[in-house]
Amino acid sequence: MIISVASGKGGTGKTTVAVSLALSLSNVQLLDCDVEEPNAHLFLKYQIKEKRSVFVPVPKVDESQCNFCGKCAEVCAYNAIAVLKNKVLIFPELCHGCGGCSLFCPEKAIFEVDKEIGELEIGKNGKNIDFVQGILKVGEARSSPLIREVKKYIDTDKEVIIDAPPGTRCSVVESIKRSNFCILVTEPTPFGLHDLTLAVDVLQKMKIPFGVVINRSDLGDKKVDAYCLKENIPILMRIPFSKNIAVAYSKGIPVVQEKPEYLSKFKGLFRTIRALSKKSRGG
């Protein structure tokens, strides 16, 4: 199975759930697709086996061949090119690498060069979890190409856990795409509920089965419970607030190591997800 772990907002405990679930299973792979701020590695203490840079194509203009017709700027949907009287300006941070500018250039004056946007780290932790993470370069605006590279390493012979970025933007969609199930981690607060509803809307449109884990479940109010009941959304697990868990988290110690009783709870979470996923497929 490919299980993505997402959240409408940051700080709800998404990585806590993703790492704990991975540590509770055998024959598992964990992909950290939160490439702008990957932090699952802090809990896994993994050994890096391979590193590689990731590049995207961006346009470069040979002005000795260019007649400044403006066709490249005309076809660019992202305003990454501006053509002046005798100068072409390229804004690589806006480019989406579609190749349209070089394709439509009548003088063949545009070609593509590689631009580094980040790197991949591939490794394994002491619990035999295969681990892959992407690290986006500081200042890069587009994370989706790097997330796609991370997901190329998906091993379908293993149980795959994807730690997605928070929110509902393009990088989240890219991360959870083609998942068999998505865990939405939330908290019982007005902000938690508001952003949960946005995430639910995305998953419903993508037709991905999902359920909710409520972190710090004994704090806040009961409006998340009421919302899930009204929308027939399964609440998969509740994690009560614990100072011990919070202190352990700050030291890079996963929940299932600080409180071993949670191992069985996360194994139960996985069994529930398997059953719900099978049910959604009509099995």
Foldseek 3Di string as FASTA:
>chain_A
DEEEEEALDPDLCRLLLLLLLQLLDPQEAEEELQQADGDNCLQQVWDFDDKDWDWAKFKDFDLVQDPQPCPLCVPDPQNQWDGDNRDIHGNRLRDPRPCPSCVPRPRSGMDIDIDTFWMKTWTAGPSGHTYIYTHGDPPRDDSLVRSVVSCVPDDPVGHYYYHFHYRDDPSRCSRCPPGLEYEYRFEQAPVRQVSRVVVVVNCVVSVHHYAYEYELHVDHDCVNVVVCVVVVGHHLYYHHDDPQCVVCVVNSHRPCVSPVVCSVVSVSSVVVSVVVSCVSVVD
